[in-house]
Amino acid sequence: MVFARRSNVAGELIVPPAVQGAADAKELVRFWIAGGKAHLSLSTVNSANLPAGDEGVLWGVILADIARHSANAMQQSGATSLDKDALMTQITQTFLNELGYGRDMSGSILDGET
């Protein structure tokens, strides 16, 4: 099956088949590296309809899901020599370090709703 692309960006990933045509589907984040900088487009809409003040819960779940899926994908593809536990430890430690000390934010961040 061939999946339609939504733009002409080289290396753009496909939309997962389970999402295509789903009436409740909502894209929440896109992340690129270009020119050595991070570029991000995201939706700030509370699409999970969480109670006011709990919006951070959704993003915590999203970030954890990305970490787990990344570790699984790297393991399955052979893109890492680390076992899954070591890889998750590395991802988690780097995430916490970046939150605490973080690099300068360079690139662009766009609200996908505008």
PDB file of N, CA and C in Angstrom:
ATOM      1  N   MET A   1       0.844  -1.179   0.000  1.00  0.00           N
ATOM      2  CA  MET A   1       0.000   0.000   0.000  1.00  0.00           C
ATOM      3  C   MET A   1       0.889   1.242   0.000  1.00  0.00           C
ATOM      4  N   VAL A   2       0.558   2.219  -0.796  1.00  0.00           N
ATOM      5  CA  VAL A   2       1.305   3.470  -0.871  1.00  0.00           C
ATOM      6  C   VAL A   2       0.549   4.522  -0.063  1.00  0.00           C
ATOM      7  N   PHE A   3       1.290   5.267   0.750  1.00  0.00           N
ATOM      8  CA  PHE A   3       0.679   6.297   1.577  1.00  0.00           C
ATOM      9  C   PHE A   3       0.965   7.661   0.989  1.00  0.00           C
ATOM     10  N   ALA A   4      -0.043   8.492   0.954  1.00  0.00           N
ATOM     11  CA  ALA A   4       0.121   9.847   0.418  1.00  0.00           C
ATOM     12  C   ALA A   4       0.931  10.704   1.382  1.00  0.00           C
ATOM     13  N   ARG A   5       1.774  11.518   0.838  1.00  0.00           N
ATOM     14  CA  ARG A   5       2.544  12.471   1.627  1.00  0.00           C
ATOM     15  C   ARG A   5       1.758  13.770   1.696  1.00  0.00           C
ATOM     16  N   ARG A   6       1.951  14.511   2.796  1.00  0.00           N
ATOM     17  CA  ARG A   6       1.240  15.777   2.925  1.00  0.00           C
ATOM     18  C   ARG A   6       2.086  16.953   2.499  1.00  0.00           C
ATOM     19  N   SER A   7       3.343  16.721   2.250  1.00  0.00           N
ATOM     20  CA  SER A   7       4.203  17.811   1.788  1.00  0.00           C
ATOM     21  C   SER A   7       5.342  17.206   0.981  1.00  0.00           C
ATOM     22  N   ASN A   8       6.219  18.061   0.508  1.00  0.00           N
ATOM     23  CA  ASN A   8       7.363  17.605  -0.265  1.00  0.00           C
ATOM     24  C   ASN A   8       8.644  17.600   0.548  1.00  0.00           C
ATOM     25  N   VAL A   9       8.541  17.563   1.867  1.00  0.00           N
ATOM     26  CA  VAL A   9       9.712  17.555   2.732  1.00  0.00           C
ATOM     27  C   VAL A   9      10.420  16.207   2.584  1.00  0.00           C
ATOM     28  N   ALA A  10      11.699  16.262   2.223  1.00  0.00           N
ATOM     29  CA  ALA A  10      12.475  15.026   2.083  1.00  0.00           C
ATOM     30  C   ALA A  10      12.521  14.292   3.417  1.00  0.00           C
ATOM     31  N   GLY A  11      12.313  13.006   3.378  1.00  0.00           N
ATOM     32  CA  GLY A  11      12.394  12.203   4.587  1.00  0.00           C
ATOM     33  C   GLY A  11      11.153  12.260   5.454  1.00  0.00           C
ATOM     34  N   GLU A  12      10.080  12.864   4.962  1.00  0.00           N
ATOM     35  CA  GLU A  12       8.858  12.936   5.753  1.00  0.00           C
ATOM     36  C   GLU A  12       8.353  11.526   6.030  1.00  0.00           C
ATOM     37  N   LEU A  13       7.941  11.278   7.257  1.00  0.00           N
ATOM     38  CA  LEU A  13       7.452   9.968   7.652  1.00  0.00           C
ATOM     39  C   LEU A  13       5.997   9.791   7.235  1.00  0.00           C
ATOM     40  N   ILE A  14       5.595   8.545   7.093  1.00  0.00           N
ATOM     41  CA  ILE A  14       4.218   8.252   6.696  1.00  0.00           C
ATOM     42  C   ILE A  14       3.283   8.400   7.899  1.00  0.00           C
ATOM     43  N   VAL A  15       2.026   8.633   7.603  1.00  0.00           N
ATOM     44  CA  VAL A  15       0.983   8.636   8.622  1.00  0.00           C
ATOM     45  C   VAL A  15       0.647   7.171   8.890  1.00  0.00           C
ATOM     46  N   PRO A  16       0.613   6.748  10.164  1.00  0.00           N
ATOM     47  CA  PRO A  16       0.303   5.340  10.450  1.00  0.00           C
ATOM     48  C   PRO A  16      -1.053   4.939   9.864  1.00  0.00           C
ATOM     49  N   PRO A  17      -1.149   3.745   9.307  1.00  0.00           N
ATOM     50  CA  PRO A  17      -2.396   3.286   8.680  1.00  0.00           C
ATOM     51  C   PRO A  17      -3.608   3.385   9.605  1.00  0.00           C
ATOM     52  N   ALA A  18      -3.457   3.102  10.899  1.00  0.00           N
ATOM     53  CA  ALA A  18      -4.588   3.156  11.830  1.00  0.00           C
ATOM     54  C   ALA A  18      -5.124   4.575  12.012  1.00  0.00           C
ATOM     55  N   VAL A  19      -4.315   5.569  11.666  1.00  0.00           N
ATOM     56  CA  VAL A  19      -4.706   6.975  11.828  1.00  0.00           C
ATOM     57  C   VAL A  19      -5.407   7.493  10.582  1.00  0.00           C
ATOM     58  N   GLN A  20      -5.001   6.974   9.430  1.00  0.00           N
ATOM     59  CA  GLN A  20      -5.566   7.450   8.170  1.00  0.00           C
ATOM     60  C   GLN A  20      -7.074   7.238   8.141  1.00  0.00           C
ATOM     61  N   GLY A  21      -7.790   8.316   7.933  1.00  0.00           N
ATOM     62  CA  GLY A  21      -9.238   8.247   7.851  1.00  0.00           C
ATOM     63  C   GLY A  21      -9.958   8.216   9.184  1.00  0.00           C
ATOM     64  N   ALA A  22      -9.230   8.176  10.292  1.00  0.00           N
ATOM     65  CA  ALA A  22      -9.877   8.165  11.606  1.00  0.00           C
ATOM     66  C   ALA A  22     -10.462   9.546  11.893  1.00  0.00           C
ATOM     67  N   ALA A  23     -11.747   9.592  12.183  1.00  0.00           N
ATOM     68  CA  ALA A  23     -12.435  10.870  12.398  1.00  0.00           C
ATOM     69  C   ALA A  23     -11.880  11.639  13.592  1.00  0.00           C
ATOM     70  N   ASP A  24     -11.349  10.934  14.583  1.00  0.00           N
ATOM     71  CA  ASP A  24     -10.852  11.594  15.792  1.00  0.00           C
ATOM     72  C   ASP A  24      -9.338  11.798  15.777  1.00  0.00           C
ATOM     73  N   ALA A  25      -8.679  11.549  14.649  1.00  0.00           N
ATOM     74  CA  ALA A  25      -7.220  11.682  14.569  1.00  0.00           C
ATOM     75  C   ALA A  25      -6.805  13.148  14.684  1.00  0.00           C
ATOM     76  N   LYS A  26      -5.716  13.398  15.412  1.00  0.00           N
ATOM     77  CA  LYS A  26      -5.194  14.750  15.594  1.00  0.00           C
ATOM     78  C   LYS A  26      -3.686  14.653  15.695  1.00  0.00           C
ATOM     79  N   GLU A  27      -2.986  15.301  14.783  1.00  0.00           N
ATOM     80  CA  GLU A  27      -1.528  15.339  14.846  1.00  0.00           C
ATOM     81  C   GLU A  27      -1.133  16.341  15.922  1.00  0.00           C
ATOM     82  N   LEU A  28      -0.233  15.933  16.813  1.00  0.00           N
ATOM     83  CA  LEU A  28       0.138  16.794  17.929  1.00  0.00           C
ATOM     84  C   LEU A  28       1.548  17.348  17.840  1.00  0.00           C
ATOM     85  N   VAL A  29       2.460  16.630  17.174  1.00  0.00           N
ATOM     86  CA  VAL A  29       3.841  17.120  17.137  1.00  0.00           C
ATOM     87  C   VAL A  29       4.565  16.631  15.889  1.00  0.00           C
ATOM     88  N   ARG A  30       5.402  17.489  15.334  1.00  0.00           N
ATOM     89  CA  ARG A  30       6.350  17.154  14.274  1.00  0.00           C
ATOM     90  C   ARG A  30       7.685  17.747  14.694  1.00  0.00           C
ATOM     91  N   PHE A  31       8.748  17.010  14.460  1.00  0.00           N
ATOM     92  CA  PHE A  31      10.073  17.439  14.894  1.00  0.00           C
ATOM     93  C   PHE A  31      11.075  17.155  13.789  1.00  0.00           C
ATOM     94  N   TRP A  32      11.874  18.154  13.429  1.00  0.00           N
ATOM     95  CA  TRP A  32      12.892  17.994  12.395  1.00  0.00           C
ATOM     96  C   TRP A  32      14.220  18.529  12.905  1.00  0.00           C
ATOM     97  N   ILE A  33      15.282  18.043  12.290  1.00  0.00           N
ATOM     98  CA  ILE A  33      16.609  18.621  12.441  1.00  0.00           C
ATOM     99  C   ILE A  33      16.976  19.153  11.067  1.00  0.00           C
ATOM    100  N   ALA A  34      17.291  20.438  10.997  1.00  0.00           N
ATOM    101  CA  ALA A  34      17.691  21.050   9.732  1.00  0.00           C
ATOM    102  C   ALA A  34      18.732  22.117  10.042  1.00  0.00           C
ATOM    103  N   GLY A  35      19.819  22.099   9.307  1.00  0.00           N
ATOM    104  CA  GLY A  35      20.869  23.075   9.538  1.00  0.00           C
ATOM    105  C   GLY A  35      21.457  22.953  10.932  1.00  0.00           C
ATOM    106  N   GLY A  36      21.441  21.744  11.485  1.00  0.00           N
ATOM    107  CA  GLY A  36      22.000  21.519  12.810  1.00  0.00           C
ATOM    108  C   GLY A  36      21.135  22.059  13.947  1.00  0.00           C
ATOM    109  N   LYS A  37      19.904  22.437  13.630  1.00  0.00           N
ATOM    110  CA  LYS A  37      19.009  22.991  14.643  1.00  0.00           C
ATOM    111  C   LYS A  37      17.696  22.216  14.675  1.00  0.00           C
ATOM    112  N   ALA A  38      17.048  22.251  15.834  1.00  0.00           N
ATOM    113  CA  ALA A  38      15.752  21.602  16.003  1.00  0.00           C
ATOM    114  C   ALA A  38      14.647  22.533  15.530  1.00  0.00           C
ATOM    115  N   HIS A  39      13.674  21.955  14.846  1.00  0.00           N
ATOM    116  CA  HIS A  39      12.504  22.701  14.393  1.00  0.00           C
ATOM    117  C   HIS A  39      11.277  21.872  14.757  1.00  0.00           C
ATOM    118  N   LEU A  40      10.279  22.533  15.315  1.00  0.00           N
ATOM    119  CA  LEU A  40       9.157  21.826  15.895  1.00  0.00           C
ATOM    120  C   LEU A  40       7.850  22.529  15.580  1.00  0.00           C
ATOM    121  N   SER A  41       6.872  21.741  15.233  1.00  0.00           N
ATOM    122  CA  SER A  41       5.517  22.248  15.074  1.00  0.00           C
ATOM    123  C   SER A  41       4.647  21.401  15.985  1.00  0.00           C
ATOM    124  N   LEU A  42       3.850  22.053  16.820  1.00  0.00           N
ATOM    125  CA  LEU A  42       3.029  21.280  17.744  1.00  0.00           C
ATOM    126  C   LEU A  42       1.685  21.934  17.969  1.00  0.00           C
ATOM    127  N   SER A  43       0.755  21.124  18.426  1.00  0.00           N
ATOM    128  CA  SER A  43      -0.569  21.612  18.766  1.00  0.00           C
ATOM    129  C   SER A  43      -0.615  21.833  20.268  1.00  0.00           C
ATOM    130  N   THR A  44      -1.069  22.990  20.666  1.00  0.00           N
ATOM    131  CA  THR A  44      -1.206  23.275  22.092  1.00  0.00           C
ATOM    132  C   THR A  44      -2.645  23.055  22.558  1.00  0.00           C
ATOM    133  N   VAL A  45      -3.468  22.498  21.680  1.00  0.00           N
ATOM    134  CA  VAL A  45      -4.857  22.226  22.017  1.00  0.00           C
ATOM    135  C   VAL A  45      -4.928  21.001  22.922  1.00  0.00           C
ATOM    136  N   ASN A  46      -5.754  21.052  23.936  1.00  0.00           N
ATOM    137  CA  ASN A  46      -5.963  19.930  24.854  1.00  0.00           C
ATOM    138  C   ASN A  46      -6.879  18.916  24.170  1.00  0.00           C
ATOM    139  N   SER A  47      -6.310  18.170  23.223  1.00  0.00           N
ATOM    140  CA  SER A  47      -7.122  17.254  22.418  1.00  0.00           C
ATOM    141  C   SER A  47      -7.596  16.035  23.201  1.00  0.00           C
ATOM    142  N   ALA A  48      -7.014  15.782  24.370  1.00  0.00           N
ATOM    143  CA  ALA A  48      -7.460  14.657  25.185  1.00  0.00           C
ATOM    144  C   ALA A  48      -8.577  15.080  26.140  1.00  0.00           C
ATOM    145  N   ASN A  49      -8.948  16.379  26.074  1.00  0.00           N
ATOM    146  CA  ASN A  49      -9.990  16.925  26.938  1.00  0.00           C
ATOM    147  C   ASN A  49      -9.730  16.645  28.413  1.00  0.00           C
ATOM    148  N   LEU A  50      -8.483  16.828  28.822  1.00  0.00           N
ATOM    149  CA  LEU A  50      -8.119  16.661  30.225  1.00  0.00           C
ATOM    150  C   LEU A  50      -8.645  17.840  31.036  1.00  0.00           C
ATOM    151  N   PRO A  51      -8.850  17.641  32.327  1.00  0.00           N
ATOM    152  CA  PRO A  51      -9.278  18.765  33.160  1.00  0.00           C
ATOM    153  C   PRO A  51      -8.251  19.893  33.118  1.00  0.00           C
ATOM    154  N   ALA A  52      -8.714  21.110  33.252  1.00  0.00           N
ATOM    155  CA  ALA A  52      -7.815  22.268  33.267  1.00  0.00           C
ATOM    156  C   ALA A  52      -6.725  22.049  34.304  1.00  0.00           C
ATOM    157  N   GLY A  53      -5.504  22.326  33.918  1.00  0.00           N
ATOM    158  CA  GLY A  53      -4.364  22.136  34.815  1.00  0.00           C
ATOM    159  C   GLY A  53      -3.666  20.800  34.632  1.00  0.00           C
ATOM    160  N   ASP A  54      -4.272  19.878  33.889  1.00  0.00           N
ATOM    161  CA  ASP A  54      -3.672  18.554  33.670  1.00  0.00           C
ATOM    162  C   ASP A  54      -3.098  18.386  32.270  1.00  0.00           C
ATOM    163  N   GLU A  55      -2.980  19.489  31.520  1.00  0.00           N
ATOM    164  CA  GLU A  55      -2.491  19.390  30.148  1.00  0.00           C
ATOM    165  C   GLU A  55      -1.095  18.778  30.083  1.00  0.00           C
ATOM    166  N   GLY A  56      -0.288  18.997  31.105  1.00  0.00           N
ATOM    167  CA  GLY A  56       1.054  18.426  31.153  1.00  0.00           C
ATOM    168  C   GLY A  56       1.055  16.908  31.195  1.00  0.00           C
ATOM    169  N   VAL A  57      -0.042  16.329  31.686  1.00  0.00           N
ATOM    170  CA  VAL A  57      -0.156  14.870  31.730  1.00  0.00           C
ATOM    171  C   VAL A  57      -0.095  14.296  30.318  1.00  0.00           C
ATOM    172  N   LEU A  58      -0.837  14.913  29.396  1.00  0.00           N
ATOM    173  CA  LEU A  58      -0.841  14.450  28.012  1.00  0.00           C
ATOM    174  C   LEU A  58       0.561  14.476  27.433  1.00  0.00           C
ATOM    175  N   TRP A  59       1.297  15.571  27.630  1.00  0.00           N
ATOM    176  CA  TRP A  59       2.641  15.677  27.066  1.00  0.00           C
ATOM    177  C   TRP A  59       3.616  14.729  27.751  1.00  0.00           C
ATOM    178  N   GLY A  60       3.418  14.460  29.031  1.00  0.00           N
ATOM    179  CA  GLY A  60       4.251  13.456  29.708  1.00  0.00           C
ATOM    180  C   GLY A  60       4.045  12.075  29.104  1.00  0.00           C
ATOM    181  N   VAL A  61       2.791  11.736  28.817  1.00  0.00           N
ATOM    182  CA  VAL A  61       2.467  10.446  28.181  1.00  0.00           C
ATOM    183  C   VAL A  61       3.060  10.392  26.778  1.00  0.00           C
ATOM    184  N   ILE A  62       2.924  11.488  26.023  1.00  0.00           N
ATOM    185  CA  ILE A  62       3.467  11.526  24.665  1.00  0.00           C
ATOM    186  C   ILE A  62       4.975  11.321  24.680  1.00  0.00           C
ATOM    187  N   LEU A  63       5.684  12.033  25.556  1.00  0.00           N
ATOM    188  CA  LEU A  63       7.145  11.914  25.611  1.00  0.00           C
ATOM    189  C   LEU A  63       7.581  10.518  26.042  1.00  0.00           C
ATOM    190  N   ALA A  64       6.867   9.924  27.001  1.00  0.00           N
ATOM    191  CA  ALA A  64       7.190   8.559  27.429  1.00  0.00           C
ATOM    192  C   ALA A  64       6.941   7.564  26.300  1.00  0.00           C
ATOM    193  N   ASP A  65       5.841   7.751  25.573  1.00  0.00           N
ATOM    194  CA  ASP A  65       5.517   6.874  24.448  1.00  0.00           C
ATOM    195  C   ASP A  65       6.580   6.973  23.357  1.00  0.00           C
ATOM    196  N   ILE A  66       7.027   8.192  23.069  1.00  0.00           N
ATOM    197  CA  ILE A  66       8.080   8.386  22.073  1.00  0.00           C
ATOM    198  C   ILE A  66       9.355   7.673  22.507  1.00  0.00           C
ATOM    199  N   ALA A  67       9.708   7.778  23.781  1.00  0.00           N
ATOM    200  CA  ALA A  67      10.919   7.110  24.287  1.00  0.00           C
ATOM    201  C   ALA A  67      10.815   5.595  24.125  1.00  0.00           C
ATOM    202  N   ARG A  68       9.676   5.026  24.537  1.00  0.00           N
ATOM    203  CA  ARG A  68       9.509   3.566  24.434  1.00  0.00           C
ATOM    204  C   ARG A  68       9.515   3.102  22.984  1.00  0.00           C
ATOM    205  N   HIS A  69       8.789   3.807  22.118  1.00  0.00           N
ATOM    206  CA  HIS A  69       8.748   3.422  20.705  1.00  0.00           C
ATOM    207  C   HIS A  69      10.126   3.586  20.054  1.00  0.00           C
ATOM    208  N   SER A  70      10.859   4.626  20.426  1.00  0.00           N
ATOM    209  CA  SER A  70      12.207   4.834  19.879  1.00  0.00           C
ATOM    210  C   SER A  70      13.132   3.691  20.271  1.00  0.00           C
ATOM    211  N   ALA A  71      13.098   3.318  21.541  1.00  0.00           N
ATOM    212  CA  ALA A  71      13.937   2.208  22.003  1.00  0.00           C
ATOM    213  C   ALA A  71      13.579   0.921  21.279  1.00  0.00           C
ATOM    214  N   ASN A  72      12.287   0.645  21.150  1.00  0.00           N
ATOM    215  CA  ASN A  72      11.852  -0.567  20.441  1.00  0.00           C
ATOM    216  C   ASN A  72      12.296  -0.548  18.984  1.00  0.00           C
ATOM    217  N   ALA A  73      12.112   0.590  18.312  1.00  0.00           N
ATOM    218  CA  ALA A  73      12.472   0.693  16.901  1.00  0.00           C
ATOM    219  C   ALA A  73      13.977   0.516  16.703  1.00  0.00           C
ATOM    220  N   MET A  74      14.774   1.145  17.554  1.00  0.00           N
ATOM    221  CA  MET A  74      16.230   1.005  17.418  1.00  0.00           C
ATOM    222  C   MET A  74      16.669  -0.427  17.663  1.00  0.00           C
ATOM    223  N   GLN A  75      16.046  -1.095  18.630  1.00  0.00           N
ATOM    224  CA  GLN A  75      16.353  -2.498  18.897  1.00  0.00           C
ATOM    225  C   GLN A  75      15.981  -3.374  17.704  1.00  0.00           C
ATOM    226  N   GLN A  76      14.779  -3.202  17.181  1.00  0.00           N
ATOM    227  CA  GLN A  76      14.298  -4.035  16.077  1.00  0.00           C
ATOM    228  C   GLN A  76      15.089  -3.817  14.797  1.00  0.00           C
ATOM    229  N   SER A  77      15.569  -2.590  14.587  1.00  0.00           N
ATOM    230  CA  SER A  77      16.285  -2.292  13.348  1.00  0.00           C
ATOM    231  C   SER A  77      17.778  -2.587  13.440  1.00  0.00           C
ATOM    232  N   GLY A  78      18.260  -2.841  14.646  1.00  0.00           N
ATOM    233  CA  GLY A  78      19.690  -3.066  14.827  1.00  0.00           C
ATOM    234  C   GLY A  78      20.487  -1.775  14.841  1.00  0.00           C
ATOM    235  N   ALA A  79      19.816  -0.640  15.051  1.00  0.00           N
ATOM    236  CA  ALA A  79      20.482   0.668  15.032  1.00  0.00           C
ATOM    237  C   ALA A  79      21.235   0.968  16.322  1.00  0.00           C
ATOM    238  N   THR A  80      21.217   0.048  17.284  1.00  0.00           N
ATOM    239  CA  THR A  80      21.934   0.241  18.539  1.00  0.00           C
ATOM    240  C   THR A  80      22.537  -1.073  18.993  1.00  0.00           C
ATOM    241  N   SER A  81      23.636  -0.967  19.726  1.00  0.00           N
ATOM    242  CA  SER A  81      24.233  -2.167  20.313  1.00  0.00           C
ATOM    243  C   SER A  81      23.777  -2.346  21.759  1.00  0.00           C
ATOM    244  N   LEU A  82      23.019  -1.387  22.280  1.00  0.00           N
ATOM    245  CA  LEU A  82      22.533  -1.452  23.660  1.00  0.00           C
ATOM    246  C   LEU A  82      21.291  -2.332  23.756  1.00  0.00           C
ATOM    247  N   ASP A  83      21.135  -3.009  24.913  1.00  0.00           N
ATOM    248  CA  ASP A  83      19.875  -3.721  25.114  1.00  0.00           C
ATOM    249  C   ASP A  83      18.803  -2.695  25.476  1.00  0.00           C
ATOM    250  N   LYS A  84      17.540  -3.122  25.451  1.00  0.00           N
ATOM    251  CA  LYS A  84      16.439  -2.181  25.614  1.00  0.00           C
ATOM    252  C   LYS A  84      16.498  -1.438  26.955  1.00  0.00           C
ATOM    253  N   ASP A  85      16.839  -2.144  28.040  1.00  0.00           N
ATOM    254  CA  ASP A  85      16.919  -1.488  29.350  1.00  0.00           C
ATOM    255  C   ASP A  85      18.012  -0.429  29.380  1.00  0.00           C
ATOM    256  N   ALA A  86      19.185  -0.749  28.831  1.00  0.00           N
ATOM    257  CA  ALA A  86      20.280   0.218  28.800  1.00  0.00           C
ATOM    258  C   ALA A  86      19.927   1.409  27.927  1.00  0.00           C
ATOM    259  N   LEU A  87      19.253   1.151  26.827  1.00  0.00           N
ATOM    260  CA  LEU A  87      18.850   2.224  25.926  1.00  0.00           C
ATOM    261  C   LEU A  87      17.821   3.136  26.597  1.00  0.00           C
ATOM    262  N   MET A  88      16.830   2.558  27.282  1.00  0.00           N
ATOM    263  CA  MET A  88      15.846   3.371  27.988  1.00  0.00           C
ATOM    264  C   MET A  88      16.500   4.178  29.101  1.00  0.00           C
ATOM    265  N   THR A  89      17.485   3.611  29.780  1.00  0.00           N
ATOM    266  CA  THR A  89      18.218   4.351  30.807  1.00  0.00           C
ATOM    267  C   THR A  89      18.946   5.530  30.179  1.00  0.00           C
ATOM    268  N   GLN A  90      19.587   5.292  29.041  1.00  0.00           N
ATOM    269  CA  GLN A  90      20.309   6.364  28.346  1.00  0.00           C
ATOM    270  C   GLN A  90      19.350   7.467  27.886  1.00  0.00           C
ATOM    271  N   ILE A  91      18.232   7.078  27.307  1.00  0.00           N
ATOM    272  CA  ILE A  91      17.235   8.060  26.857  1.00  0.00           C
ATOM    273  C   ILE A  91      16.715   8.863  28.048  1.00  0.00           C
ATOM    274  N   THR A  92      16.350   8.172  29.127  1.00  0.00           N
ATOM    275  CA  THR A  92      15.795   8.837  30.303  1.00  0.00           C
ATOM    276  C   THR A  92      16.804   9.780  30.937  1.00  0.00           C
ATOM    277  N   GLN A  93      18.034   9.331  31.097  1.00  0.00           N
ATOM    278  CA  GLN A  93      19.064  10.177  31.714  1.00  0.00           C
ATOM    279  C   GLN A  93      19.342  11.411  30.866  1.00  0.00           C
ATOM    280  N   THR A  94      19.430  11.224  29.562  1.00  0.00           N
ATOM    281  CA  THR A  94      19.663  12.359  28.666  1.00  0.00           C
ATOM    282  C   THR A  94      18.498  13.331  28.727  1.00  0.00           C
ATOM    283  N   PHE A  95      17.267  12.804  28.744  1.00  0.00           N
ATOM    284  CA  PHE A  95      16.075  13.643  28.847  1.00  0.00           C
ATOM    285  C   PHE A  95      16.129  14.484  30.118  1.00  0.00           C
ATOM    286  N   LEU A  96      16.412  13.855  31.253  1.00  0.00           N
ATOM    287  CA  LEU A  96      16.472  14.580  32.524  1.00  0.00           C
ATOM    288  C   LEU A  96      17.598  15.610  32.527  1.00  0.00           C
ATOM    289  N   ASN A  97      18.749  15.256  31.953  1.00  0.00           N
ATOM    290  CA  ASN A  97      19.857  16.208  31.860  1.00  0.00           C
ATOM    291  C   ASN A  97      19.481  17.404  30.996  1.00  0.00           C
ATOM    292  N   GLU A  98      18.829  17.136  29.880  1.00  0.00           N
ATOM    293  CA  GLU A  98      18.424  18.222  28.979  1.00  0.00           C
ATOM    294  C   GLU A  98      17.394  19.136  29.639  1.00  0.00           C
ATOM    295  N   LEU A  99      16.506  18.569  30.434  1.00  0.00           N
ATOM    296  CA  LEU A  99      15.534  19.395  31.149  1.00  0.00           C
ATOM    297  C   LEU A  99      16.222  20.285  32.183  1.00  0.00           C
ATOM    298  N   GLY A 100      17.200  19.708  32.869  1.00  0.00           N
ATOM    299  CA  GLY A 100      17.871  20.445  33.940  1.00  0.00           C
ATOM    300  C   GLY A 100      18.859  21.468  33.452  1.00  0.00           C
ATOM    301  N   TYR A 101      19.593  21.104  32.435  1.00  0.00           N
ATOM    302  CA  TYR A 101      20.675  21.976  31.986  1.00  0.00           C
ATOM    303  C   TYR A 101      20.452  22.462  30.573  1.00  0.00           C
ATOM    304  N   GLY A 102      19.811  21.635  29.800  1.00  0.00           N
ATOM    305  CA  GLY A 102      19.407  21.948  28.439  1.00  0.00           C
ATOM    306  C   GLY A 102      20.366  22.765  27.606  1.00  0.00           C
ATOM    307  N   ARG A 103      20.315  22.510  26.357  1.00  0.00           N
ATOM    308  CA  ARG A 103      21.042  23.309  25.390  1.00  0.00           C
ATOM    309  C   ARG A 103      20.219  24.538  25.099  1.00  0.00           C
ATOM    310  N   ASP A 104      20.865  25.521  24.514  1.00  0.00           N
ATOM    311  CA  ASP A 104      20.102  26.680  24.074  1.00  0.00           C
ATOM    312  C   ASP A 104      19.082  26.211  23.053  1.00  0.00           C
ATOM    313  N   MET A 105      17.877  26.711  23.167  1.00  0.00           N
ATOM    314  CA  MET A 105      16.851  26.370  22.172  1.00  0.00           C
ATOM    315  C   MET A 105      17.109  27.192  20.935  1.00  0.00           C
ATOM    316  N   SER A 106      17.444  26.507  19.877  1.00  0.00           N
ATOM    317  CA  SER A 106      17.626  27.191  18.607  1.00  0.00           C
ATOM    318  C   SER A 106      16.766  26.507  17.577  1.00  0.00           C
ATOM    319  N   GLY A 107      16.423  27.214  16.550  1.00  0.00           N
ATOM    320  CA  GLY A 107      15.527  26.672  15.544  1.00  0.00           C
ATOM    321  C   GLY A 107      14.211  27.391  15.641  1.00  0.00           C
ATOM    322  N   SER A 108      13.114  26.656  15.448  1.00  0.00           N
ATOM    323  CA  SER A 108      11.804  27.300  15.483  1.00  0.00           C
ATOM    324  C   SER A 108      10.774  26.387  16.110  1.00  0.00           C
ATOM    325  N   ILE A 109       9.803  27.016  16.752  1.00  0.00           N
ATOM    326  CA  ILE A 109       8.668  26.309  17.335  1.00  0.00           C
ATOM    327  C   ILE A 109       7.415  27.010  16.836  1.00  0.00           C
ATOM    328  N   LEU A 110       6.534  26.258  16.205  1.00  0.00           N
ATOM    329  CA  LEU A 110       5.301  26.816  15.672  1.00  0.00           C
ATOM    330  C   LEU A 110       4.116  26.132  16.308  1.00  0.00           C
ATOM    331  N   ASP A 111       3.108  26.894  16.622  1.00  0.00           N
ATOM    332  CA  ASP A 111       1.861  26.307  17.085  1.00  0.00           C
ATOM    333  C   ASP A 111       1.122  25.802  15.866  1.00  0.00           C
ATOM    334  N   GLY A 112       0.936  24.508  15.784  1.00  0.00           N
ATOM    335  CA  GLY A 112       0.311  23.890  14.622  1.00  0.00           C
ATOM    336  C   GLY A 112      -1.127  24.308  14.419  1.00  0.00           C
ATOM    337  N   GLU A 113      -1.702  24.996  15.386  1.00  0.00           N
ATOM    338  CA  GLU A 113      -3.089  25.417  15.274  1.00  0.00           C
ATOM    339  C   GLU A 113      -3.235  26.739  14.552  1.00  0.00           C
ATOM    340  N   THR A 114      -2.121  27.425  14.307  1.00  0.00           N
ATOM    341  CA  THR A 114      -2.213  28.744  13.657  1.00  0.00           C
ATOM    342  C   THR A 114      -1.907  28.647  12.197  1.00  0.00           C
TER     343      THR A 114
END
